[in-house]
Amino acid sequence: MKSIHPVPRAATRIVLLAALAAAPSAAFAFNEEANYNECILNTVSNTWNRNVVEMIRASCDRLYRRWAMLTPTDVSFHRCLLAHLPGVQSNAAIGPVVQACRRQSTDSDHFD
């Protein structure tokens, strides 16, 4: 049997498709936030240096909230920072860690 009102049925389909398309993004956004929170909880707890805490927070943010624009080198760099910055208490030690992570992430990019 043909529908008398084909436009409302088409509009209904569009609305349903839009709702289905939006549903995974909401779940993904929740995972991004959960992963960001987990990153913070795993890395900041033993760090007393305010500058180190801020760098860790920024790396967690880039990896788990603003990941879409990161290159593989950027991902490697931020993972290196998260692996080696926690526990660094001296401002003097921050620079060498950042420089080593930068060199390591650049070098590792050639082997991917």
PDB file of N, CA and C in Angstrom:
ATOM      1  N   MET A   1       0.838  -1.165   0.000  1.00  0.00           N
ATOM      2  CA  MET A   1       0.000   0.000   0.000  1.00  0.00           C
ATOM      3  C   MET A   1       0.890   1.238   0.000  1.00  0.00           C
ATOM      4  N   LYS A   2       0.588   2.170  -0.879  1.00  0.00           N
ATOM      5  CA  LYS A   2       1.370   3.398  -0.984  1.00  0.00           C
ATOM      6  C   LYS A   2       0.988   4.377   0.112  1.00  0.00           C
ATOM      7  N   SER A   3       2.006   5.063   0.572  1.00  0.00           N
ATOM      8  CA  SER A   3       1.777   6.084   1.585  1.00  0.00           C
ATOM      9  C   SER A   3       1.202   7.327   0.924  1.00  0.00           C
ATOM     10  N   ILE A   4       0.270   7.945   1.592  1.00  0.00           N
ATOM     11  CA  ILE A   4      -0.342   9.163   1.076  1.00  0.00           C
ATOM     12  C   ILE A   4       0.601  10.342   1.271  1.00  0.00           C
ATOM     13  N   HIS A   5       1.406  10.308   2.309  1.00  0.00           N
ATOM     14  CA  HIS A   5       2.311  11.412   2.646  1.00  0.00           C
ATOM     15  C   HIS A   5       3.767  10.934   2.586  1.00  0.00           C
ATOM     16  N   PRO A   6       4.374  10.909   1.395  1.00  0.00           N
ATOM     17  CA  PRO A   6       5.749  10.411   1.296  1.00  0.00           C
ATOM     18  C   PRO A   6       6.786  11.332   1.942  1.00  0.00           C
ATOM     19  N   VAL A   7       6.533  12.608   2.019  1.00  0.00           N
ATOM     20  CA  VAL A   7       7.508  13.535   2.593  1.00  0.00           C
ATOM     21  C   VAL A   7       7.696  13.301   4.088  1.00  0.00           C
ATOM     22  N   PRO A   8       6.633  13.164   4.886  1.00  0.00           N
ATOM     23  CA  PRO A   8       6.859  12.911   6.305  1.00  0.00           C
ATOM     24  C   PRO A   8       7.629  11.609   6.556  1.00  0.00           C
ATOM     25  N   ARG A   9       7.384  10.580   5.753  1.00  0.00           N
ATOM     26  CA  ARG A   9       8.107   9.321   5.932  1.00  0.00           C
ATOM     27  C   ARG A   9       9.599   9.536   5.635  1.00  0.00           C
ATOM     28  N   ALA A  10       9.908  10.276   4.590  1.00  0.00           N
ATOM     29  CA  ALA A  10      11.302  10.575   4.261  1.00  0.00           C
ATOM     30  C   ALA A  10      11.946  11.407   5.369  1.00  0.00           C
ATOM     31  N   ALA A  11      11.206  12.355   5.887  1.00  0.00           N
ATOM     32  CA  ALA A  11      11.730  13.183   6.976  1.00  0.00           C
ATOM     33  C   ALA A  11      11.983  12.336   8.219  1.00  0.00           C
ATOM     34  N   THR A  12      11.103  11.395   8.474  1.00  0.00           N
ATOM     35  CA  THR A  12      11.279  10.499   9.613  1.00  0.00           C
ATOM     36  C   THR A  12      12.545   9.671   9.450  1.00  0.00           C
ATOM     37  N   ARG A  13      12.775   9.175   8.250  1.00  0.00           N
ATOM     38  CA  ARG A  13      13.991   8.395   7.991  1.00  0.00           C
ATOM     39  C   ARG A  13      15.244   9.242   8.232  1.00  0.00           C
ATOM     40  N   ILE A  14      15.214  10.474   7.776  1.00  0.00           N
ATOM     41  CA  ILE A  14      16.367  11.360   7.953  1.00  0.00           C
ATOM     42  C   ILE A  14      16.632  11.605   9.431  1.00  0.00           C
ATOM     43  N   VAL A  15      15.575  11.856  10.184  1.00  0.00           N
ATOM     44  CA  VAL A  15      15.725  12.097  11.619  1.00  0.00           C
ATOM     45  C   VAL A  15      16.275  10.854  12.312  1.00  0.00           C
ATOM     46  N   LEU A  16      15.765   9.682  11.954  1.00  0.00           N
ATOM     47  CA  LEU A  16      16.254   8.446  12.563  1.00  0.00           C
ATOM     48  C   LEU A  16      17.721   8.187  12.218  1.00  0.00           C
ATOM     49  N   LEU A  17      18.083   8.413  10.965  1.00  0.00           N
ATOM     50  CA  LEU A  17      19.477   8.233  10.568  1.00  0.00           C
ATOM     51  C   LEU A  17      20.395   9.213  11.289  1.00  0.00           C
ATOM     52  N   ALA A  18      19.945  10.442  11.439  1.00  0.00           N
ATOM     53  CA  ALA A  18      20.745  11.440  12.156  1.00  0.00           C
ATOM     54  C   ALA A  18      20.925  11.037  13.619  1.00  0.00           C
ATOM     55  N   ALA A  19      19.872  10.520  14.227  1.00  0.00           N
ATOM     56  CA  ALA A  19      19.956  10.086  15.622  1.00  0.00           C
ATOM     57  C   ALA A  19      20.916   8.911  15.769  1.00  0.00           C
ATOM     58  N   LEU A  20      20.864   7.977  14.835  1.00  0.00           N
ATOM     59  CA  LEU A  20      21.773   6.837  14.883  1.00  0.00           C
ATOM     60  C   LEU A  20      23.220   7.269  14.676  1.00  0.00           C
ATOM     61  N   ALA A  21      23.431   8.216  13.792  1.00  0.00           N
ATOM     62  CA  ALA A  21      24.786   8.706  13.535  1.00  0.00           C
ATOM     63  C   ALA A  21      25.340   9.454  14.739  1.00  0.00           C
ATOM     64  N   ALA A  22      24.491  10.141  15.468  1.00  0.00           N
ATOM     65  CA  ALA A  22      24.941  10.920  16.623  1.00  0.00           C
ATOM     66  C   ALA A  22      25.216  10.042  17.838  1.00  0.00           C
ATOM     67  N   ALA A  23      24.571   8.913  17.950  1.00  0.00           N
ATOM     68  CA  ALA A  23      24.714   8.054  19.125  1.00  0.00           C
ATOM     69  C   ALA A  23      26.148   7.580  19.346  1.00  0.00           C
ATOM     70  N   PRO A  24      26.853   7.056  18.343  1.00  0.00           N
ATOM     71  CA  PRO A  24      28.223   6.623  18.604  1.00  0.00           C
ATOM     72  C   PRO A  24      29.149   7.764  19.011  1.00  0.00           C
ATOM     73  N   SER A  25      28.930   8.954  18.482  1.00  0.00           N
ATOM     74  CA  SER A  25      29.815  10.060  18.833  1.00  0.00           C
ATOM     75  C   SER A  25      29.674  10.433  20.300  1.00  0.00           C
ATOM     76  N   ALA A  26      28.473  10.315  20.848  1.00  0.00           N
ATOM     77  CA  ALA A  26      28.296  10.599  22.269  1.00  0.00           C
ATOM     78  C   ALA A  26      29.038   9.561  23.105  1.00  0.00           C
ATOM     79  N   ALA A  27      28.961   8.296  22.694  1.00  0.00           N
ATOM     80  CA  ALA A  27      29.682   7.248  23.413  1.00  0.00           C
ATOM     81  C   ALA A  27      31.186   7.450  23.275  1.00  0.00           C
ATOM     82  N   PHE A  28      31.629   7.842  22.097  1.00  0.00           N
ATOM     83  CA  PHE A  28      33.054   8.067  21.878  1.00  0.00           C
ATOM     84  C   PHE A  28      33.548   9.237  22.721  1.00  0.00           C
ATOM     85  N   ALA A  29      32.750  10.285  22.806  1.00  0.00           N
ATOM     86  CA  ALA A  29      33.129  11.439  23.629  1.00  0.00           C
ATOM     87  C   ALA A  29      33.262  11.026  25.089  1.00  0.00           C
ATOM     88  N   PHE A  30      32.378  10.143  25.551  1.00  0.00           N
ATOM     89  CA  PHE A  30      32.472   9.654  26.922  1.00  0.00           C
ATOM     90  C   PHE A  30      33.780   8.889  27.116  1.00  0.00           C
ATOM     91  N   ASN A  31      34.144   8.039  26.137  1.00  0.00           N
ATOM     92  CA  ASN A  31      35.398   7.291  26.233  1.00  0.00           C
ATOM     93  C   ASN A  31      36.598   8.226  26.223  1.00  0.00           C
ATOM     94  N   GLU A  32      36.545   9.279  25.407  1.00  0.00           N
ATOM     95  CA  GLU A  32      37.636  10.256  25.398  1.00  0.00           C
ATOM     96  C   GLU A  32      37.830  10.841  26.790  1.00  0.00           C
ATOM     97  N   GLU A  33      36.738  11.234  27.414  1.00  0.00           N
ATOM     98  CA  GLU A  33      36.822  11.847  28.741  1.00  0.00           C
ATOM     99  C   GLU A  33      37.295  10.830  29.777  1.00  0.00           C
ATOM    100  N   ALA A  34      36.788   9.608  29.689  1.00  0.00           N
ATOM    101  CA  ALA A  34      37.213   8.559  30.622  1.00  0.00           C
ATOM    102  C   ALA A  34      38.700   8.256  30.448  1.00  0.00           C
ATOM    103  N   ASN A  35      39.159   8.187  29.205  1.00  0.00           N
ATOM    104  CA  ASN A  35      40.577   7.929  28.945  1.00  0.00           C
ATOM    105  C   ASN A  35      41.453   9.088  29.421  1.00  0.00           C
ATOM    106  N   TYR A  36      40.975  10.317  29.227  1.00  0.00           N
ATOM    107  CA  TYR A  36      41.704  11.492  29.721  1.00  0.00           C
ATOM    108  C   TYR A  36      41.824  11.419  31.249  1.00  0.00           C
ATOM    109  N   ASN A  37      40.714  11.148  31.918  1.00  0.00           N
ATOM    110  CA  ASN A  37      40.727  11.062  33.379  1.00  0.00           C
ATOM    111  C   ASN A  37      41.672   9.967  33.856  1.00  0.00           C
ATOM    112  N   GLU A  38      41.652   8.825  33.191  1.00  0.00           N
ATOM    113  CA  GLU A  38      42.546   7.722  33.552  1.00  0.00           C
ATOM    114  C   GLU A  38      44.010   8.123  33.366  1.00  0.00           C
ATOM    115  N   CYS A  39      44.287   8.840  32.295  1.00  0.00           N
ATOM    116  CA  CYS A  39      45.644   9.332  32.035  1.00  0.00           C
ATOM    117  C   CYS A  39      46.114  10.235  33.176  1.00  0.00           C
ATOM    118  N   ILE A  40      45.278  11.157  33.573  1.00  0.00           N
ATOM    119  CA  ILE A  40      45.619  12.073  34.675  1.00  0.00           C
ATOM    120  C   ILE A  40      45.845  11.289  35.967  1.00  0.00           C
ATOM    121  N   LEU A  41      44.928  10.384  36.280  1.00  0.00           N
ATOM    122  CA  LEU A  41      45.034   9.621  37.524  1.00  0.00           C
ATOM    123  C   LEU A  41      46.286   8.749  37.566  1.00  0.00           C
ATOM    124  N   ASN A  42      46.677   8.211  36.424  1.00  0.00           N
ATOM    125  CA  ASN A  42      47.840   7.325  36.385  1.00  0.00           C
ATOM    126  C   ASN A  42      49.172   8.061  36.413  1.00  0.00           C
ATOM    127  N   THR A  43      49.194   9.324  36.043  1.00  0.00           N
ATOM    128  CA  THR A  43      50.485   9.997  35.876  1.00  0.00           C
ATOM    129  C   THR A  43      50.761  11.136  36.853  1.00  0.00           C
ATOM    130  N   VAL A  44      49.759  11.756  37.397  1.00  0.00           N
ATOM    131  CA  VAL A  44      49.977  12.963  38.201  1.00  0.00           C
ATOM    132  C   VAL A  44      50.168  12.670  39.687  1.00  0.00           C
ATOM    133  N   SER A  45      49.734  11.537  40.162  1.00  0.00           N
ATOM    134  CA  SER A  45      49.659  11.305  41.607  1.00  0.00           C
ATOM    135  C   SER A  45      50.986  11.463  42.354  1.00  0.00           C
ATOM    136  N   ASN A  46      52.112  11.118  41.756  1.00  0.00           N
ATOM    137  CA  ASN A  46      53.401  11.227  42.454  1.00  0.00           C
ATOM    138  C   ASN A  46      54.220  12.427  42.003  1.00  0.00           C
ATOM    139  N   THR A  47      53.578  13.404  41.418  1.00  0.00           N
ATOM    140  CA  THR A  47      54.295  14.561  40.888  1.00  0.00           C
ATOM    141  C   THR A  47      53.951  15.800  41.700  1.00  0.00           C
ATOM    142  N   TRP A  48      54.992  16.464  42.189  1.00  0.00           N
ATOM    143  CA  TRP A  48      54.798  17.654  43.019  1.00  0.00           C
ATOM    144  C   TRP A  48      55.117  18.940  42.278  1.00  0.00           C
ATOM    145  N   ASN A  49      55.854  18.844  41.208  1.00  0.00           N
ATOM    146  CA  ASN A  49      56.263  20.033  40.468  1.00  0.00           C
ATOM    147  C   ASN A  49      55.105  20.533  39.600  1.00  0.00           C
ATOM    148  N   ARG A  50      54.703  21.766  39.823  1.00  0.00           N
ATOM    149  CA  ARG A  50      53.568  22.357  39.114  1.00  0.00           C
ATOM    150  C   ARG A  50      53.780  22.374  37.597  1.00  0.00           C
ATOM    151  N   ASN A  51      54.998  22.659  37.152  1.00  0.00           N
ATOM    152  CA  ASN A  51      55.285  22.693  35.712  1.00  0.00           C
ATOM    153  C   ASN A  51      55.154  21.311  35.083  1.00  0.00           C
ATOM    154  N   VAL A  52      55.610  20.298  35.794  1.00  0.00           N
ATOM    155  CA  VAL A  52      55.490  18.926  35.299  1.00  0.00           C
ATOM    156  C   VAL A  52      54.021  18.518  35.239  1.00  0.00           C
ATOM    157  N   VAL A  53      53.266  18.853  36.261  1.00  0.00           N
ATOM    158  CA  VAL A  53      51.833  18.532  36.270  1.00  0.00           C
ATOM    159  C   VAL A  53      51.145  19.162  35.067  1.00  0.00           C
ATOM    160  N   GLU A  54      51.475  20.397  34.762  1.00  0.00           N
ATOM    161  CA  GLU A  54      50.854  21.080  33.619  1.00  0.00           C
ATOM    162  C   GLU A  54      51.242  20.412  32.299  1.00  0.00           C
ATOM    163  N   MET A  55      52.486  19.996  32.171  1.00  0.00           N
ATOM    164  CA  MET A  55      52.914  19.317  30.943  1.00  0.00           C
ATOM    165  C   MET A  55      52.230  17.958  30.802  1.00  0.00           C
ATOM    166  N   ILE A  56      52.072  17.252  31.898  1.00  0.00           N
ATOM    167  CA  ILE A  56      51.368  15.965  31.872  1.00  0.00           C
ATOM    168  C   ILE A  56      49.913  16.185  31.478  1.00  0.00           C
ATOM    169  N   ARG A  57      49.281  17.186  32.077  1.00  0.00           N
ATOM    170  CA  ARG A  57      47.890  17.483  31.748  1.00  0.00           C
ATOM    171  C   ARG A  57      47.743  17.795  30.267  1.00  0.00           C
ATOM    172  N   ALA A  58      48.674  18.588  29.728  1.00  0.00           N
ATOM    173  CA  ALA A  58      48.617  18.950  28.311  1.00  0.00           C
ATOM    174  C   ALA A  58      48.802  17.723  27.417  1.00  0.00           C
ATOM    175  N   SER A  59      49.699  16.821  27.794  1.00  0.00           N
ATOM    176  CA  SER A  59      49.899  15.608  26.995  1.00  0.00           C
ATOM    177  C   SER A  59      48.674  14.703  27.049  1.00  0.00           C
ATOM    178  N   CYS A  60      48.078  14.549  28.221  1.00  0.00           N
ATOM    179  CA  CYS A  60      46.837  13.761  28.324  1.00  0.00           C
ATOM    180  C   CYS A  60      45.741  14.390  27.470  1.00  0.00           C
ATOM    181  N   ASP A  61      45.646  15.703  27.518  1.00  0.00           N
ATOM    182  CA  ASP A  61      44.638  16.422  26.733  1.00  0.00           C
ATOM    183  C   ASP A  61      44.837  16.176  25.237  1.00  0.00           C
ATOM    184  N   ARG A  62      46.064  16.278  24.785  1.00  0.00           N
ATOM    185  CA  ARG A  62      46.333  16.093  23.351  1.00  0.00           C
ATOM    186  C   ARG A  62      46.078  14.653  22.922  1.00  0.00           C
ATOM    187  N   LEU A  63      46.462  13.695  23.746  1.00  0.00           N
ATOM    188  CA  LEU A  63      46.306  12.293  23.357  1.00  0.00           C
ATOM    189  C   LEU A  63      44.869  11.800  23.442  1.00  0.00           C
ATOM    190  N   TYR A  64      44.081  12.325  24.358  1.00  0.00           N
ATOM    191  CA  TYR A  64      42.759  11.757  24.592  1.00  0.00           C
ATOM    192  C   TYR A  64      41.593  12.689  24.306  1.00  0.00           C
ATOM    193  N   ARG A  65      41.837  13.959  24.127  1.00  0.00           N
ATOM    194  CA  ARG A  65      40.757  14.883  23.778  1.00  0.00           C
ATOM    195  C   ARG A  65      40.966  15.505  22.406  1.00  0.00           C
ATOM    196  N   ARG A  66      42.180  15.859  22.093  1.00  0.00           N
ATOM    197  CA  ARG A  66      42.466  16.547  20.822  1.00  0.00           C
ATOM    198  C   ARG A  66      43.386  15.699  19.947  1.00  0.00           C
ATOM    199  N   TRP A  67      43.100  14.422  19.872  1.00  0.00           N
ATOM    200  CA  TRP A  67      43.956  13.462  19.200  1.00  0.00           C
ATOM    201  C   TRP A  67      43.858  13.515  17.683  1.00  0.00           C
ATOM    202  N   ALA A  68      42.788  14.027  17.136  1.00  0.00           N
ATOM    203  CA  ALA A  68      42.531  13.916  15.695  1.00  0.00           C
ATOM    204  C   ALA A  68      43.601  14.590  14.838  1.00  0.00           C
ATOM    205  N   MET A  69      44.227  15.628  15.338  1.00  0.00           N
ATOM    206  CA  MET A  69      45.204  16.364  14.537  1.00  0.00           C
ATOM    207  C   MET A  69      46.650  15.950  14.820  1.00  0.00           C
ATOM    208  N   LEU A  70      46.852  14.942  15.643  1.00  0.00           N
ATOM    209  CA  LEU A  70      48.213  14.538  15.992  1.00  0.00           C
ATOM    210  C   LEU A  70      48.830  13.655  14.914  1.00  0.00           C
ATOM    211  N   THR A  71      50.084  13.909  14.633  1.00  0.00           N
ATOM    212  CA  THR A  71      50.848  13.041  13.737  1.00  0.00           C
ATOM    213  C   THR A  71      51.398  11.872  14.567  1.00  0.00           C
ATOM    214  N   PRO A  72      51.868  10.811  13.930  1.00  0.00           N
ATOM    215  CA  PRO A  72      52.490   9.723  14.696  1.00  0.00           C
ATOM    216  C   PRO A  72      53.671  10.207  15.547  1.00  0.00           C
ATOM    217  N   THR A  73      54.419  11.176  15.051  1.00  0.00           N
ATOM    218  CA  THR A  73      55.526  11.740  15.827  1.00  0.00           C
ATOM    219  C   THR A  73      55.005  12.436  17.077  1.00  0.00           C
ATOM    220  N   ASP A  74      53.899  13.190  16.941  1.00  0.00           N
ATOM    221  CA  ASP A  74      53.297  13.863  18.098  1.00  0.00           C
ATOM    222  C   ASP A  74      52.828  12.850  19.135  1.00  0.00           C
ATOM    223  N   VAL A  75      52.174  11.791  18.684  1.00  0.00           N
ATOM    224  CA  VAL A  75      51.682  10.757  19.596  1.00  0.00           C
ATOM    225  C   VAL A  75      52.856  10.135  20.349  1.00  0.00           C
ATOM    226  N   SER A  76      53.906   9.799  19.630  1.00  0.00           N
ATOM    227  CA  SER A  76      55.096   9.211  20.248  1.00  0.00           C
ATOM    228  C   SER A  76      55.712  10.164  21.273  1.00  0.00           C
ATOM    229  N   PHE A  77      55.781  11.445  20.940  1.00  0.00           N
ATOM    230  CA  PHE A  77      56.340  12.454  21.840  1.00  0.00           C
ATOM    231  C   PHE A  77      55.535  12.538  23.137  1.00  0.00           C
ATOM    232  N   HIS A  78      54.212  12.640  23.023  1.00  0.00           N
ATOM    233  CA  HIS A  78      53.381  12.777  24.225  1.00  0.00           C
ATOM    234  C   HIS A  78      53.385  11.500  25.062  1.00  0.00           C
ATOM    235  N   ARG A  79      53.431  10.348  24.426  1.00  0.00           N
ATOM    236  CA  ARG A  79      53.530   9.097  25.184  1.00  0.00           C
ATOM    237  C   ARG A  79      54.859   9.022  25.935  1.00  0.00           C
ATOM    238  N   CYS A  80      55.917   9.478  25.295  1.00  0.00           N
ATOM    239  CA  CYS A  80      57.230   9.515  25.949  1.00  0.00           C
ATOM    240  C   CYS A  80      57.189  10.437  27.170  1.00  0.00           C
ATOM    241  N   LEU A  81      56.601  11.615  27.008  1.00  0.00           N
ATOM    242  CA  LEU A  81      56.493  12.537  28.147  1.00  0.00           C
ATOM    243  C   LEU A  81      55.724  11.893  29.294  1.00  0.00           C
ATOM    244  N   LEU A  82      54.624  11.228  28.975  1.00  0.00           N
ATOM    245  CA  LEU A  82      53.817  10.597  30.019  1.00  0.00           C
ATOM    246  C   LEU A  82      54.559   9.436  30.685  1.00  0.00           C
ATOM    247  N   ALA A  83      55.466   8.824  29.966  1.00  0.00           N
ATOM    248  CA  ALA A  83      56.236   7.724  30.541  1.00  0.00           C
ATOM    249  C   ALA A  83      57.382   8.221  31.421  1.00  0.00           C
ATOM    250  N   HIS A  84      57.928   9.405  31.111  1.00  0.00           N
ATOM    251  CA  HIS A  84      59.159   9.834  31.781  1.00  0.00           C
ATOM    252  C   HIS A  84      59.044  11.087  32.648  1.00  0.00           C
ATOM    253  N   LEU A  85      57.990  11.867  32.496  1.00  0.00           N
ATOM    254  CA  LEU A  85      57.852  13.068  33.335  1.00  0.00           C
ATOM    255  C   LEU A  85      57.333  12.794  34.749  1.00  0.00           C
ATOM    256  N   PRO A  86      56.422  11.841  34.951  1.00  0.00           N
ATOM    257  CA  PRO A  86      55.931  11.640  36.321  1.00  0.00           C
ATOM    258  C   PRO A  86      57.086  11.364  37.286  1.00  0.00           C
ATOM    259  N   GLY A  87      57.046  12.042  38.394  1.00  0.00           N
ATOM    260  CA  GLY A  87      58.099  11.884  39.382  1.00  0.00           C
ATOM    261  C   GLY A  87      59.234  12.884  39.245  1.00  0.00           C
ATOM    262  N   VAL A  88      59.337  13.577  38.110  1.00  0.00           N
ATOM    263  CA  VAL A  88      60.371  14.603  37.945  1.00  0.00           C
ATOM    264  C   VAL A  88      60.009  15.765  38.866  1.00  0.00           C
ATOM    265  N   GLN A  89      60.911  16.109  39.765  1.00  0.00           N
ATOM    266  CA  GLN A  89      60.616  17.166  40.734  1.00  0.00           C
ATOM    267  C   GLN A  89      61.352  18.465  40.432  1.00  0.00           C
ATOM    268  N   SER A  90      62.435  18.396  39.716  1.00  0.00           N
ATOM    269  CA  SER A  90      63.269  19.568  39.471  1.00  0.00           C
ATOM    270  C   SER A  90      62.935  20.205  38.133  1.00  0.00           C
ATOM    271  N   ASN A  91      62.819  21.530  38.130  1.00  0.00           N
ATOM    272  CA  ASN A  91      62.614  22.242  36.864  1.00  0.00           C
ATOM    273  C   ASN A  91      63.787  22.018  35.914  1.00  0.00           C
ATOM    274  N   ALA A  92      64.975  21.842  36.475  1.00  0.00           N
ATOM    275  CA  ALA A  92      66.162  21.635  35.644  1.00  0.00           C
ATOM    276  C   ALA A  92      66.096  20.315  34.876  1.00  0.00           C
ATOM    277  N   ALA A  93      65.351  19.348  35.370  1.00  0.00           N
ATOM    278  CA  ALA A  93      65.256  18.043  34.709  1.00  0.00           C
ATOM    279  C   ALA A  93      64.201  18.016  33.606  1.00  0.00           C
ATOM    280  N   ILE A  94      63.312  18.982  33.590  1.00  0.00           N
ATOM    281  CA  ILE A  94      62.230  18.984  32.599  1.00  0.00           C
ATOM    282  C   ILE A  94      62.787  19.101  31.186  1.00  0.00           C
ATOM    283  N   GLY A  95      63.668  20.065  30.963  1.00  0.00           N
ATOM    284  CA  GLY A  95      64.213  20.308  29.626  1.00  0.00           C
ATOM    285  C   GLY A  95      64.882  19.089  29.016  1.00  0.00           C
ATOM    286  N   PRO A  96      65.796  18.429  29.739  1.00  0.00           N
ATOM    287  CA  PRO A  96      66.424  17.236  29.170  1.00  0.00           C
ATOM    288  C   PRO A  96      65.429  16.117  28.847  1.00  0.00           C
ATOM    289  N   VAL A  97      64.410  15.942  29.679  1.00  0.00           N
ATOM    290  CA  VAL A  97      63.396  14.916  29.395  1.00  0.00           C
ATOM    291  C   VAL A  97      62.635  15.271  28.124  1.00  0.00           C
ATOM    292  N   VAL A  98      62.214  16.523  28.008  1.00  0.00           N
ATOM    293  CA  VAL A  98      61.476  16.962  26.818  1.00  0.00           C
ATOM    294  C   VAL A  98      62.343  16.806  25.572  1.00  0.00           C
ATOM    295  N   GLN A  99      63.601  17.212  25.656  1.00  0.00           N
ATOM    296  CA  GLN A  99      64.496  17.102  24.497  1.00  0.00           C
ATOM    297  C   GLN A  99      64.723  15.645  24.098  1.00  0.00           C
ATOM    298  N   ALA A 100      64.920  14.772  25.082  1.00  0.00           N
ATOM    299  CA  ALA A 100      65.125  13.352  24.780  1.00  0.00           C
ATOM    300  C   ALA A 100      63.872  12.747  24.146  1.00  0.00           C
ATOM    301  N   CYS A 101      62.701  13.109  24.659  1.00  0.00           N
ATOM    302  CA  CYS A 101      61.449  12.607  24.074  1.00  0.00           C
ATOM    303  C   CYS A 101      61.271  13.127  22.654  1.00  0.00           C
ATOM    304  N   ARG A 102      61.642  14.371  22.433  1.00  0.00           N
ATOM    305  CA  ARG A 102      61.530  14.932  21.087  1.00  0.00           C
ATOM    306  C   ARG A 102      62.449  14.182  20.118  1.00  0.00           C
ATOM    307  N   ARG A 103      63.689  13.948  20.545  1.00  0.00           N
ATOM    308  CA  ARG A 103      64.631  13.206  19.687  1.00  0.00           C
ATOM    309  C   ARG A 103      64.148  11.778  19.453  1.00  0.00           C
ATOM    310  N   GLN A 104      63.703  11.132  20.513  1.00  0.00           N
ATOM    311  CA  GLN A 104      63.255   9.743  20.400  1.00  0.00           C
ATOM    312  C   GLN A 104      62.029   9.625  19.506  1.00  0.00           C
ATOM    313  N   SER A 105      61.085  10.530  19.642  1.00  0.00           N
ATOM    314  CA  SER A 105      59.863  10.444  18.826  1.00  0.00           C
ATOM    315  C   SER A 105      60.162  10.740  17.367  1.00  0.00           C
ATOM    316  N   THR A 106      61.108  11.632  17.111  1.00  0.00           N
ATOM    317  CA  THR A 106      61.500  11.930  15.731  1.00  0.00           C
ATOM    318  C   THR A 106      62.234  10.744  15.127  1.00  0.00           C
ATOM    319  N   ASP A 107      63.132  10.128  15.901  1.00  0.00           N
ATOM    320  CA  ASP A 107      63.870   8.963  15.417  1.00  0.00           C
ATOM    321  C   ASP A 107      62.951   7.777  15.173  1.00  0.00           C
ATOM    322  N   SER A 108      61.986   7.555  16.072  1.00  0.00           N
ATOM    323  CA  SER A 108      61.091   6.402  15.932  1.00  0.00           C
ATOM    324  C   SER A 108      60.164   6.546  14.742  1.00  0.00           C
ATOM    325  N   ASP A 109      59.937   7.780  14.295  1.00  0.00           N
ATOM    326  CA  ASP A 109      59.055   8.009  13.152  1.00  0.00           C
ATOM    327  C   ASP A 109      59.632   7.394  11.880  1.00  0.00           C
ATOM    328  N   HIS A 110      60.944   7.264  11.800  1.00  0.00           N
ATOM    329  CA  HIS A 110      61.575   6.711  10.603  1.00  0.00           C
ATOM    330  C   HIS A 110      61.437   5.195  10.515  1.00  0.00           C
ATOM    331  N   PHE A 111      61.081   4.552  11.623  1.00  0.00           N
ATOM    332  CA  PHE A 111      61.012   3.095  11.639  1.00  0.00           C
ATOM    333  C   PHE A 111      59.593   2.561  11.544  1.00  0.00           C
ATOM    334  N   ASP A 112      58.606   3.412  11.446  1.00  0.00           N
ATOM    335  CA  ASP A 112      57.208   2.963  11.357  1.00  0.00           C
ATOM    336  C   ASP A 112      56.885   2.412   9.996  1.00  0.00           C
TER     337      ASP A 112
END
